């Protein structure tokens, strides 16, 4: 499963950058692969931090994915009006967070990416965070454009489809990324045994 996901991520990232067919965008993509981390390390080619997407947080702040580098990132795609799978994904994320040792909690960022940016405004995301008692800095909610959301979902091998004005069918995948943005592990399903996911996070966290 992990090897398949990694291959899918490589293909998706390659497709994303191949779509940037103007010289300006190609230059930006090339330059993105050369971005330096604070410690002076080059971001790996298959890092999500090379993606040229922009996002808005639940606090209305504009960020890029590369702003998350330096921490282990645990990420899932949801939408706030979901009444079935998403509440269980939120519970799974909370359950994972509870199992991380106290000395490593500050090294982990938990990120929820909306697949419904039209509905999930920053105000709605902030209200959702409050409703779920996820107002600490370790919980981050992101909203992007329709295009950036679709591209990023492809990178995560997350499929989603709108089936009514307020409802989507979607994959239930929690992804774990290393500090440099490379995918390290994926967990698929709802309420599954998360032992491997928790261990992956612990092993990666400083």
N, C-alpha and C. Protein backbone atom coordinates (compact mmCIF):
# COMPACT_ATOMS: atom_id res chain seq x y z
N UNK A 1 0.83 -1.21 0.00
CA UNK A 1 0.00 0.00 0.00
C UNK A 1 0.86 1.25 0.00
N UNK A 2 1.89 1.27 0.87
CA UNK A 2 2.73 2.47 0.95
C UNK A 2 3.49 2.69 -0.34
N UNK A 3 4.01 1.61 -0.95
CA UNK A 3 4.73 1.75 -2.20
C UNK A 3 3.83 2.27 -3.30
N UNK A 4 2.59 1.76 -3.33
CA UNK A 4 1.63 2.22 -4.34
C UNK A 4 1.34 3.70 -4.14
N UNK A 5 1.14 4.10 -2.90
CA UNK A 5 0.85 5.50 -2.62
C UNK A 5 2.02 6.39 -3.01
N UNK A 6 3.24 5.90 -2.75
CA UNK A 6 4.42 6.71 -3.07
C UNK A 6 4.53 6.90 -4.58
N UNK A 7 4.28 5.82 -5.33
CA UNK A 7 4.32 5.92 -6.79
C UNK A 7 3.25 6.89 -7.28
N UNK A 8 2.06 6.80 -6.68
CA UNK A 8 0.96 7.69 -7.07
C UNK A 8 1.33 9.15 -6.80
N UNK A 9 2.02 9.39 -5.68
CA UNK A 9 2.43 10.75 -5.35
C UNK A 9 3.44 11.27 -6.35
N UNK A 10 4.39 10.42 -6.75
CA UNK A 10 5.40 10.83 -7.74
C UNK A 10 4.73 11.19 -9.05
N UNK A 11 3.79 10.36 -9.50
CA UNK A 11 3.09 10.62 -10.76
C UNK A 11 2.28 11.91 -10.67
N UNK A 12 1.60 12.10 -9.54
CA UNK A 12 0.76 13.28 -9.37
C UNK A 12 1.59 14.56 -9.33
N UNK A 13 2.70 14.51 -8.62
CA UNK A 13 3.57 15.68 -8.56
C UNK A 13 4.13 16.01 -9.94
N UNK A 14 4.51 14.98 -10.66
CA UNK A 14 5.03 15.20 -12.01
C UNK A 14 3.96 15.83 -12.90
N UNK A 15 2.73 15.36 -12.74
CA UNK A 15 1.63 15.90 -13.55
C UNK A 15 1.35 17.35 -13.20
N UNK A 16 1.40 17.65 -11.91
CA UNK A 16 1.15 19.03 -11.47
C UNK A 16 2.13 19.98 -12.11
N UNK A 17 3.42 19.63 -12.07
CA UNK A 17 4.42 20.54 -12.60
C UNK A 17 4.43 20.56 -14.12
N UNK A 18 4.03 19.45 -14.76
CA UNK A 18 3.98 19.45 -16.22
C UNK A 18 2.86 20.33 -16.74
N UNK A 19 1.85 20.59 -15.89
CA UNK A 19 0.75 21.45 -16.31
C UNK A 19 1.15 22.92 -16.33
N UNK A 20 2.22 23.26 -15.65
CA UNK A 20 2.68 24.65 -15.65
C UNK A 20 3.50 24.88 -16.90
N UNK A 21 2.83 25.14 -18.03
CA UNK A 21 3.50 25.10 -19.31
C UNK A 21 4.01 26.44 -19.82
N UNK A 22 3.86 27.49 -19.06
CA UNK A 22 4.46 28.75 -19.49
C UNK A 22 5.87 28.80 -18.95
N UNK A 23 6.72 29.61 -19.60
CA UNK A 23 8.11 29.68 -19.15
C UNK A 23 8.20 30.21 -17.73
N UNK A 24 7.30 31.14 -17.41
CA UNK A 24 7.34 31.72 -16.06
C UNK A 24 7.02 30.66 -15.02
N UNK A 25 5.99 29.83 -15.29
CA UNK A 25 5.62 28.80 -14.33
C UNK A 25 6.67 27.71 -14.26
N UNK A 26 7.25 27.37 -15.40
CA UNK A 26 8.31 26.35 -15.38
C UNK A 26 9.49 26.82 -14.56
N UNK A 27 9.85 28.09 -14.72
CA UNK A 27 10.94 28.64 -13.94
C UNK A 27 10.62 28.59 -12.45
N UNK A 28 9.37 28.92 -12.11
CA UNK A 28 8.97 28.90 -10.70
C UNK A 28 9.05 27.49 -10.15
N UNK A 29 8.63 26.50 -10.95
CA UNK A 29 8.68 25.12 -10.49
C UNK A 29 10.10 24.66 -10.26
N UNK A 30 10.98 25.02 -11.18
CA UNK A 30 12.39 24.65 -11.04
C UNK A 30 12.99 25.30 -9.80
N UNK A 31 12.69 26.58 -9.64
CA UNK A 31 13.22 27.29 -8.48
C UNK A 31 12.68 26.71 -7.19
N UNK A 32 11.43 26.25 -7.22
CA UNK A 32 10.82 25.69 -6.01
C UNK A 32 11.59 24.48 -5.52
N UNK A 33 12.15 23.69 -6.45
CA UNK A 33 12.90 22.51 -6.04
C UNK A 33 14.22 22.87 -5.39
N UNK A 34 14.61 24.12 -5.50
CA UNK A 34 15.89 24.54 -4.94
C UNK A 34 15.74 25.32 -3.64
N UNK A 35 14.49 25.41 -3.16
CA UNK A 35 14.25 26.16 -1.93
C UNK A 35 15.04 25.54 -0.79
N UNK A 36 15.64 26.37 0.01
CA UNK A 36 16.45 25.88 1.12
C UNK A 36 15.68 25.93 2.42
N UNK A 37 15.83 24.89 3.22
CA UNK A 37 15.29 24.91 4.56
C UNK A 37 16.18 25.80 5.42
N UNK A 38 15.67 26.12 6.62
CA UNK A 38 16.41 26.99 7.53
C UNK A 38 17.77 26.40 7.86
N UNK A 39 17.84 25.06 7.89
CA UNK A 39 19.12 24.42 8.25
C UNK A 39 20.06 24.35 7.06
N UNK A 40 19.61 24.79 5.90
CA UNK A 40 20.46 24.79 4.74
C UNK A 40 20.30 23.57 3.85
N UNK A 41 19.31 22.70 4.13
CA UNK A 41 19.09 21.51 3.33
C UNK A 41 18.14 21.82 2.17
N UNK A 42 18.38 21.18 1.04
CA UNK A 42 17.50 21.35 -0.11
C UNK A 42 16.24 20.52 0.07
N UNK A 43 15.09 21.09 -0.27
CA UNK A 43 13.85 20.35 -0.21
C UNK A 43 13.88 19.26 -1.28
N UNK A 44 13.58 18.00 -0.93
CA UNK A 44 13.63 16.91 -1.90
C UNK A 44 12.66 17.14 -3.07
N UNK A 45 12.98 16.54 -4.19
CA UNK A 45 12.18 16.74 -5.40
C UNK A 45 10.73 16.32 -5.22
N UNK A 46 10.50 15.24 -4.46
CA UNK A 46 9.14 14.74 -4.28
C UNK A 46 8.45 15.28 -3.04
N UNK A 47 8.96 16.35 -2.50
CA UNK A 47 8.34 16.98 -1.33
C UNK A 47 7.10 17.77 -1.74
N UNK A 48 6.07 17.73 -0.91
CA UNK A 48 4.88 18.54 -1.17
C UNK A 48 5.19 20.03 -1.05
N UNK A 49 6.33 20.36 -0.45
CA UNK A 49 6.69 21.76 -0.29
C UNK A 49 7.16 22.40 -1.59
N UNK A 50 7.25 21.61 -2.63
CA UNK A 50 7.54 22.16 -3.95
C UNK A 50 6.28 22.60 -4.69
N UNK A 51 5.13 22.22 -4.19
CA UNK A 51 3.89 22.57 -4.88
C UNK A 51 3.65 24.08 -4.81
N UNK A 52 3.27 24.71 -5.93
CA UNK A 52 3.10 26.17 -5.97
C UNK A 52 1.71 26.64 -5.56
N UNK A 53 1.08 25.93 -4.64
CA UNK A 53 -0.28 26.28 -4.24
C UNK A 53 -0.28 27.25 -3.05
N UNK A 54 -1.39 27.96 -2.91
CA UNK A 54 -1.57 28.90 -1.80
C UNK A 54 -2.84 28.55 -1.04
N UNK A 55 -2.81 28.74 0.26
CA UNK A 55 -3.90 28.31 1.13
C UNK A 55 -4.25 29.39 2.15
N UNK A 56 -5.48 29.34 2.64
CA UNK A 56 -5.92 30.26 3.68
C UNK A 56 -6.27 29.45 4.92
N UNK A 57 -5.79 29.87 6.08
CA UNK A 57 -6.05 29.15 7.32
C UNK A 57 -7.38 29.55 7.92
N UNK A 58 -7.77 28.87 8.98
CA UNK A 58 -9.01 29.21 9.68
C UNK A 58 -8.95 30.60 10.31
N UNK A 59 -7.74 31.15 10.42
CA UNK A 59 -7.57 32.50 10.97
C UNK A 59 -7.43 33.56 9.89
N UNK A 60 -7.65 33.15 8.64
CA UNK A 60 -7.59 34.09 7.53
C UNK A 60 -6.18 34.42 7.07
N UNK A 61 -5.20 33.66 7.51
CA UNK A 61 -3.81 33.90 7.12
C UNK A 61 -3.49 33.15 5.82
N UNK A 62 -2.74 33.79 4.94
CA UNK A 62 -2.34 33.17 3.68
C UNK A 62 -1.00 32.45 3.88
N UNK A 63 -0.96 31.18 3.49
CA UNK A 63 0.28 30.41 3.64
C UNK A 63 0.53 29.56 2.40
N UNK A 64 1.75 29.06 2.29
CA UNK A 64 2.11 28.03 1.33
C UNK A 64 2.44 26.77 2.12
N UNK A 65 2.38 25.62 1.46
CA UNK A 65 2.66 24.38 2.17
C UNK A 65 4.06 24.37 2.77
N UNK A 66 5.01 25.02 2.09
CA UNK A 66 6.39 25.02 2.58
C UNK A 66 6.52 25.74 3.92
N UNK A 67 5.51 26.51 4.30
CA UNK A 67 5.54 27.16 5.61
C UNK A 67 5.41 26.14 6.75
N UNK A 68 5.01 24.90 6.42
CA UNK A 68 4.84 23.86 7.43
C UNK A 68 6.11 23.07 7.68
N UNK A 69 7.13 23.29 6.85
CA UNK A 69 8.34 22.48 6.97
C UNK A 69 9.01 22.65 8.32
N UNK A 70 9.64 21.56 8.75
CA UNK A 70 10.31 21.57 10.05
C UNK A 70 9.58 20.74 11.08
N UNK A 71 8.30 20.41 10.80
CA UNK A 71 7.52 19.56 11.70
C UNK A 71 7.02 18.33 10.94
N UNK A 72 6.73 17.29 11.69
CA UNK A 72 6.02 16.15 11.11
C UNK A 72 4.59 16.62 10.86
N UNK A 73 4.08 16.40 9.67
CA UNK A 73 2.74 16.85 9.33
C UNK A 73 1.82 15.65 9.14
N UNK A 74 0.70 15.67 9.86
CA UNK A 74 -0.32 14.63 9.74
C UNK A 74 -1.52 15.30 9.09
N UNK A 75 -1.94 14.81 7.94
CA UNK A 75 -2.89 15.55 7.11
C UNK A 75 -4.04 14.68 6.65
N UNK A 76 -5.23 15.28 6.59
CA UNK A 76 -6.41 14.60 6.09
C UNK A 76 -7.29 15.61 5.34
N UNK A 77 -8.02 15.14 4.32
CA UNK A 77 -8.91 16.00 3.56
C UNK A 77 -10.36 15.70 3.97
N UNK A 78 -11.10 16.76 4.35
CA UNK A 78 -12.47 16.62 4.83
C UNK A 78 -13.29 17.78 4.29
N UNK A 79 -14.57 17.85 4.67
CA UNK A 79 -15.35 19.07 4.47
C UNK A 79 -16.29 19.22 5.67
N UNK A 80 -16.53 20.43 6.08
CA UNK A 80 -17.15 20.66 7.39
C UNK A 80 -18.63 20.32 7.47
N UNK A 81 -19.33 20.25 6.33
CA UNK A 81 -20.76 19.90 6.38
C UNK A 81 -20.99 18.40 6.32
N UNK A 82 -19.94 17.63 6.25
CA UNK A 82 -20.03 16.17 6.20
C UNK A 82 -20.61 15.64 7.50
N UNK A 83 -21.53 14.70 7.38
CA UNK A 83 -22.18 14.14 8.57
C UNK A 83 -21.84 12.67 8.79
N UNK A 84 -21.09 12.08 7.87
CA UNK A 84 -20.81 10.64 7.96
C UNK A 84 -19.33 10.37 8.23
N UNK A 85 -18.52 10.34 7.16
CA UNK A 85 -17.13 9.94 7.30
C UNK A 85 -16.26 10.98 8.02
N UNK A 86 -16.46 12.25 7.72
CA UNK A 86 -15.55 13.28 8.24
C UNK A 86 -15.52 13.36 9.77
N UNK A 87 -16.66 13.29 10.47
CA UNK A 87 -16.56 13.28 11.93
C UNK A 87 -15.72 12.13 12.45
N UNK A 88 -15.75 11.00 11.76
CA UNK A 88 -14.94 9.87 12.18
C UNK A 88 -13.46 10.11 11.88
N UNK A 89 -13.18 10.79 10.76
CA UNK A 89 -11.79 11.15 10.46
C UNK A 89 -11.25 12.13 11.50
N UNK A 90 -12.08 13.08 11.90
CA UNK A 90 -11.69 14.02 12.95
C UNK A 90 -11.38 13.26 14.24
N UNK A 91 -12.24 12.29 14.57
CA UNK A 91 -12.02 11.48 15.77
C UNK A 91 -10.73 10.66 15.65
N UNK A 92 -10.46 10.15 14.45
CA UNK A 92 -9.23 9.39 14.23
C UNK A 92 -8.00 10.27 14.43
N UNK A 93 -8.07 11.49 13.92
CA UNK A 93 -6.94 12.43 14.10
C UNK A 93 -6.75 12.75 15.57
N UNK A 94 -7.84 12.96 16.28
CA UNK A 94 -7.75 13.26 17.71
C UNK A 94 -7.15 12.06 18.46
N UNK A 95 -7.56 10.86 18.07
CA UNK A 95 -7.06 9.66 18.72
C UNK A 95 -5.57 9.49 18.49
N UNK A 96 -5.13 9.77 17.26
CA UNK A 96 -3.69 9.71 16.95
C UNK A 96 -2.93 10.70 17.80
N UNK A 97 -3.42 11.93 17.87
CA UNK A 97 -2.73 12.98 18.63
C UNK A 97 -2.58 12.60 20.10
N UNK A 98 -3.58 11.97 20.67
CA UNK A 98 -3.54 11.61 22.08
C UNK A 98 -2.46 10.58 22.39
N UNK A 99 -2.07 9.81 21.37
CA UNK A 99 -1.09 8.74 21.60
C UNK A 99 0.36 9.19 21.41
N UNK A 100 0.56 10.41 20.99
CA UNK A 100 1.93 10.92 20.81
C UNK A 100 2.48 11.36 22.17
N UNK A 101 3.67 10.91 22.54
CA UNK A 101 4.25 11.29 23.84
C UNK A 101 4.35 12.80 24.00
N UNK A 102 4.19 13.26 25.22
CA UNK A 102 4.20 14.69 25.50
C UNK A 102 5.46 15.38 24.98
N UNK A 103 6.60 14.69 25.09
CA UNK A 103 7.86 15.33 24.69
C UNK A 103 7.98 15.49 23.17
N UNK A 104 7.06 14.89 22.42
CA UNK A 104 7.12 15.00 20.96
C UNK A 104 5.93 15.74 20.37
N UNK A 105 4.97 16.11 21.19
CA UNK A 105 3.75 16.74 20.69
C UNK A 105 4.02 18.05 19.95
N UNK A 106 5.00 18.83 20.41
CA UNK A 106 5.28 20.13 19.79
C UNK A 106 5.93 19.99 18.42
N UNK A 107 6.36 18.79 18.07
CA UNK A 107 7.02 18.57 16.78
C UNK A 107 6.06 18.08 15.70
N UNK A 108 4.77 18.05 16.03
CA UNK A 108 3.79 17.51 15.09
C UNK A 108 2.70 18.54 14.79
N UNK A 109 2.37 18.71 13.52
CA UNK A 109 1.30 19.61 13.07
C UNK A 109 0.20 18.77 12.43
N UNK A 110 -1.04 18.98 12.87
CA UNK A 110 -2.19 18.26 12.34
C UNK A 110 -2.97 19.19 11.42
N UNK A 111 -3.16 18.75 10.17
CA UNK A 111 -3.73 19.63 9.15
C UNK A 111 -4.97 19.01 8.51
N UNK A 112 -6.03 19.81 8.45
CA UNK A 112 -7.26 19.43 7.77
C UNK A 112 -7.39 20.31 6.52
N UNK A 113 -7.49 19.68 5.36
CA UNK A 113 -7.63 20.41 4.10
C UNK A 113 -9.05 20.23 3.59
N UNK A 114 -9.76 21.32 3.34
CA UNK A 114 -11.15 21.22 2.88
C UNK A 114 -11.22 20.84 1.41
N UNK A 115 -12.13 19.92 1.09
CA UNK A 115 -12.41 19.59 -0.31
C UNK A 115 -13.61 20.40 -0.83
N UNK A 116 -14.12 21.28 0.01
CA UNK A 116 -15.26 22.12 -0.37
C UNK A 116 -14.95 23.59 -0.06
N UNK A 117 -13.99 24.18 -0.79
CA UNK A 117 -13.58 25.56 -0.48
C UNK A 117 -14.69 26.59 -0.65
N UNK A 118 -15.69 26.29 -1.46
CA UNK A 118 -16.78 27.25 -1.63
C UNK A 118 -17.56 27.44 -0.34
N UNK A 119 -17.83 26.35 0.35
CA UNK A 119 -18.57 26.41 1.62
C UNK A 119 -17.65 26.71 2.79
N UNK A 120 -16.48 26.09 2.78
CA UNK A 120 -15.58 26.18 3.93
C UNK A 120 -14.72 27.44 3.87
N UNK A 121 -15.34 28.54 4.17
CA UNK A 121 -14.64 29.81 4.28
C UNK A 121 -13.77 29.79 5.53
N UNK A 122 -12.82 30.70 5.67
CA UNK A 122 -12.04 30.75 6.91
C UNK A 122 -12.94 30.86 8.14
N UNK A 123 -14.02 31.63 8.03
CA UNK A 123 -14.94 31.78 9.17
C UNK A 123 -15.58 30.45 9.53
N UNK A 124 -15.98 29.70 8.49
CA UNK A 124 -16.60 28.39 8.75
C UNK A 124 -15.57 27.42 9.33
N UNK A 125 -14.36 27.45 8.82
CA UNK A 125 -13.32 26.57 9.35
C UNK A 125 -13.01 26.89 10.81
N UNK A 126 -12.99 28.17 11.13
CA UNK A 126 -12.71 28.58 12.51
C UNK A 126 -13.83 28.11 13.44
N UNK A 127 -15.07 28.23 12.96
CA UNK A 127 -16.21 27.77 13.76
C UNK A 127 -16.15 26.25 13.95
N UNK A 128 -15.75 25.55 12.90
CA UNK A 128 -15.62 24.09 12.96
C UNK A 128 -14.54 23.70 13.97
N UNK A 129 -13.43 24.41 13.96
CA UNK A 129 -12.35 24.14 14.91
C UNK A 129 -12.84 24.34 16.34
N UNK A 130 -13.62 25.38 16.54
CA UNK A 130 -14.16 25.65 17.88
C UNK A 130 -15.14 24.57 18.30
N UNK A 131 -16.02 24.17 17.37
CA UNK A 131 -17.01 23.13 17.66
C UNK A 131 -16.35 21.83 18.07
N UNK A 132 -15.19 21.56 17.50
CA UNK A 132 -14.48 20.31 17.77
C UNK A 132 -13.37 20.45 18.80
N UNK A 133 -13.33 21.61 19.46
CA UNK A 133 -12.32 21.88 20.49
C UNK A 133 -10.91 21.67 19.94
N UNK A 134 -10.70 22.22 18.76
CA UNK A 134 -9.39 22.14 18.10
C UNK A 134 -8.87 23.53 17.80
N UNK A 135 -8.80 24.35 18.81
CA UNK A 135 -8.37 25.74 18.63
C UNK A 135 -6.89 25.94 18.94
N UNK A 136 -6.21 24.89 19.45
CA UNK A 136 -4.78 24.99 19.71
C UNK A 136 -4.02 25.12 18.39
N UNK A 137 -2.80 25.63 18.46
CA UNK A 137 -1.99 25.83 17.26
C UNK A 137 -1.64 24.54 16.54
N UNK A 138 -1.70 23.42 17.25
CA UNK A 138 -1.34 22.14 16.61
C UNK A 138 -2.37 21.72 15.58
N UNK A 139 -3.58 22.30 15.62
CA UNK A 139 -4.63 21.99 14.65
C UNK A 139 -4.72 23.11 13.62
N UNK A 140 -4.53 22.76 12.36
CA UNK A 140 -4.56 23.75 11.29
C UNK A 140 -5.59 23.34 10.23
N UNK A 141 -6.44 24.29 9.84
CA UNK A 141 -7.46 24.04 8.83
C UNK A 141 -7.17 24.93 7.62
N UNK A 142 -7.17 24.30 6.42
CA UNK A 142 -6.77 25.02 5.22
C UNK A 142 -7.86 24.98 4.15
N UNK A 143 -7.95 26.08 3.43
CA UNK A 143 -8.86 26.23 2.30
C UNK A 143 -8.07 26.78 1.13
N UNK A 144 -8.21 26.16 -0.06
CA UNK A 144 -7.51 26.64 -1.25
C UNK A 144 -8.48 26.89 -2.38
N UNK A 145 -7.95 27.13 -3.55
CA UNK A 145 -8.80 27.26 -4.73
C UNK A 145 -9.26 25.87 -5.15
N UNK A 146 -10.26 25.82 -6.02
CA UNK A 146 -10.73 24.53 -6.53
C UNK A 146 -9.57 23.78 -7.23
N UNK A 147 -8.80 24.53 -8.03
CA UNK A 147 -7.70 23.91 -8.77
C UNK A 147 -6.61 23.38 -7.86
N UNK A 148 -6.18 24.20 -6.90
CA UNK A 148 -5.13 23.76 -5.98
C UNK A 148 -5.59 22.58 -5.15
N UNK A 149 -6.86 22.58 -4.76
CA UNK A 149 -7.40 21.48 -3.96
C UNK A 149 -7.39 20.18 -4.76
N UNK A 150 -7.80 20.26 -6.02
CA UNK A 150 -7.81 19.07 -6.89
C UNK A 150 -6.39 18.54 -7.10
N UNK A 151 -5.45 19.43 -7.35
CA UNK A 151 -4.07 19.02 -7.56
C UNK A 151 -3.50 18.35 -6.31
N UNK A 152 -3.77 18.94 -5.16
CA UNK A 152 -3.23 18.41 -3.93
C UNK A 152 -3.87 17.06 -3.60
N UNK A 153 -5.16 16.92 -3.85
CA UNK A 153 -5.83 15.64 -3.63
C UNK A 153 -5.19 14.55 -4.48
N UNK A 154 -4.81 14.89 -5.72
CA UNK A 154 -4.17 13.92 -6.61
C UNK A 154 -2.83 13.46 -6.03
N UNK A 155 -2.10 14.38 -5.44
CA UNK A 155 -0.81 14.05 -4.83
C UNK A 155 -1.00 13.07 -3.67
N UNK A 156 -2.09 13.26 -2.91
CA UNK A 156 -2.35 12.39 -1.76
C UNK A 156 -3.09 11.11 -2.15
N UNK A 157 -3.41 10.96 -3.44
CA UNK A 157 -4.22 9.83 -3.92
C UNK A 157 -5.59 9.83 -3.27
N UNK A 158 -6.11 11.02 -2.99
CA UNK A 158 -7.46 11.18 -2.44
C UNK A 158 -8.42 11.49 -3.58
N UNK A 159 -9.44 10.67 -3.72
CA UNK A 159 -10.47 10.90 -4.74
C UNK A 159 -11.70 11.50 -4.07
N UNK A 160 -12.29 12.49 -4.69
CA UNK A 160 -13.55 13.02 -4.16
C UNK A 160 -14.42 13.51 -5.30
N UNK A 161 -15.72 13.46 -5.06
CA UNK A 161 -16.70 13.85 -6.08
C UNK A 161 -17.92 14.45 -5.40
N UNK A 162 -18.38 15.58 -5.92
CA UNK A 162 -19.57 16.20 -5.36
C UNK A 162 -20.80 15.45 -5.87
N UNK A 163 -21.64 14.97 -4.94
CA UNK A 163 -22.81 14.20 -5.32
C UNK A 163 -24.12 14.93 -5.04
N UNK A 164 -24.02 16.09 -4.37
CA UNK A 164 -25.17 16.95 -4.16
C UNK A 164 -24.61 18.32 -3.78
N UNK A 165 -25.44 19.37 -3.73
CA UNK A 165 -24.91 20.70 -3.40
C UNK A 165 -24.10 20.76 -2.11
N UNK A 166 -24.39 19.89 -1.15
CA UNK A 166 -23.70 19.95 0.15
C UNK A 166 -23.06 18.62 0.54
N UNK A 167 -22.88 17.72 -0.42
CA UNK A 167 -22.37 16.41 -0.05
C UNK A 167 -21.35 15.91 -1.08
N UNK A 168 -20.32 15.23 -0.57
CA UNK A 168 -19.25 14.68 -1.39
C UNK A 168 -19.01 13.23 -1.02
N UNK A 169 -18.64 12.44 -2.00
CA UNK A 169 -18.05 11.13 -1.71
C UNK A 169 -16.54 11.33 -1.78
N UNK A 170 -15.79 10.68 -0.91
CA UNK A 170 -14.35 10.93 -0.87
C UNK A 170 -13.59 9.79 -0.21
N UNK A 171 -12.30 9.72 -0.51
CA UNK A 171 -11.41 8.75 0.13
C UNK A 171 -11.19 9.15 1.58
N UNK A 172 -10.92 8.14 2.39
CA UNK A 172 -10.66 8.38 3.82
C UNK A 172 -9.21 8.00 4.12
N UNK A 173 -8.33 8.95 3.89
CA UNK A 173 -6.89 8.68 4.00
C UNK A 173 -6.23 9.73 4.90
N UNK A 174 -5.47 9.26 5.87
CA UNK A 174 -4.64 10.14 6.71
C UNK A 174 -3.19 9.94 6.28
N UNK A 175 -2.52 11.03 5.95
CA UNK A 175 -1.15 10.98 5.44
C UNK A 175 -0.18 11.59 6.45
N UNK A 176 0.99 10.99 6.55
CA UNK A 176 2.05 11.49 7.44
C UNK A 176 3.24 11.90 6.58
N UNK A 177 3.73 13.12 6.80
CA UNK A 177 4.86 13.64 6.04
C UNK A 177 6.04 13.93 6.96
N UNK A 178 7.23 13.65 6.44
CA UNK A 178 8.45 13.99 7.17
C UNK A 178 8.62 15.51 7.23
N UNK A 179 9.58 15.95 8.03
CA UNK A 179 9.82 17.39 8.19
C UNK A 179 10.14 18.08 6.88
N UNK A 180 10.66 17.34 5.91
CA UNK A 180 11.02 17.93 4.61
C UNK A 180 9.90 17.83 3.58
N UNK A 181 8.74 17.31 4.01
CA UNK A 181 7.58 17.26 3.12
C UNK A 181 7.44 16.00 2.30
N UNK A 182 8.31 15.02 2.52
CA UNK A 182 8.18 13.75 1.82
C UNK A 182 7.18 12.86 2.55
N UNK A 183 6.35 12.16 1.78
CA UNK A 183 5.37 11.27 2.40
C UNK A 183 6.07 10.09 3.05
N UNK A 184 5.66 9.80 4.30
CA UNK A 184 6.28 8.70 5.03
C UNK A 184 5.32 7.55 5.27
N UNK A 185 4.02 7.85 5.34
CA UNK A 185 3.06 6.80 5.71
C UNK A 185 1.65 7.27 5.36
N UNK A 186 0.79 6.31 5.02
CA UNK A 186 -0.63 6.61 4.84
C UNK A 186 -1.48 5.55 5.53
N UNK A 187 -2.59 6.02 6.09
CA UNK A 187 -3.57 5.15 6.74
C UNK A 187 -4.90 5.33 6.02
N UNK A 188 -5.49 4.24 5.58
CA UNK A 188 -6.75 4.32 4.84
C UNK A 188 -7.86 3.61 5.59
N UNK A 189 -9.03 4.27 5.64
CA UNK A 189 -10.18 3.68 6.30
C UNK A 189 -10.62 4.51 7.49
N UNK A 190 -11.73 4.10 8.08
CA UNK A 190 -12.29 4.81 9.23
C UNK A 190 -12.21 3.93 10.47
N UNK A 191 -11.73 4.51 11.56
CA UNK A 191 -11.67 3.76 12.81
C UNK A 191 -10.76 2.55 12.76
N UNK A 192 -9.77 2.58 11.88
CA UNK A 192 -8.86 1.43 11.74
C UNK A 192 -7.78 1.47 12.83
N UNK A 193 -7.09 0.36 12.98
CA UNK A 193 -5.98 0.29 13.93
C UNK A 193 -4.90 1.28 13.48
N UNK A 194 -4.63 2.28 14.31
CA UNK A 194 -3.67 3.33 13.92
C UNK A 194 -2.30 3.15 14.54
N UNK A 195 -2.00 1.94 14.97
CA UNK A 195 -0.72 1.68 15.63
C UNK A 195 0.46 2.06 14.74
N UNK A 196 0.41 1.66 13.46
CA UNK A 196 1.52 1.96 12.56
C UNK A 196 1.64 3.46 12.29
N UNK A 197 0.51 4.13 12.20
CA UNK A 197 0.52 5.58 11.98
C UNK A 197 1.15 6.31 13.16
N UNK A 198 0.72 5.94 14.35
CA UNK A 198 1.27 6.55 15.56
C UNK A 198 2.77 6.30 15.66
N UNK A 199 3.19 5.07 15.37
CA UNK A 199 4.62 4.74 15.46
C UNK A 199 5.42 5.52 14.43
N UNK A 200 4.86 5.68 13.23
CA UNK A 200 5.55 6.44 12.19
C UNK A 200 5.79 7.88 12.64
N UNK A 201 4.78 8.47 13.28
CA UNK A 201 4.90 9.85 13.77
C UNK A 201 5.95 9.93 14.88
N UNK A 202 5.90 8.99 15.81
CA UNK A 202 6.86 8.99 16.91
C UNK A 202 8.29 8.85 16.40
N UNK A 203 8.47 7.96 15.41
CA UNK A 203 9.81 7.72 14.88
C UNK A 203 10.35 8.97 14.16
N UNK A 204 9.46 9.73 13.53
CA UNK A 204 9.89 10.91 12.77
C UNK A 204 10.09 12.14 13.64
N UNK A 205 9.27 12.28 14.68
CA UNK A 205 9.34 13.47 15.54
C UNK A 205 10.66 13.50 16.30
N UNK A 206 11.18 14.70 16.47
CA UNK A 206 12.49 14.85 17.13
C UNK A 206 12.37 14.63 18.62
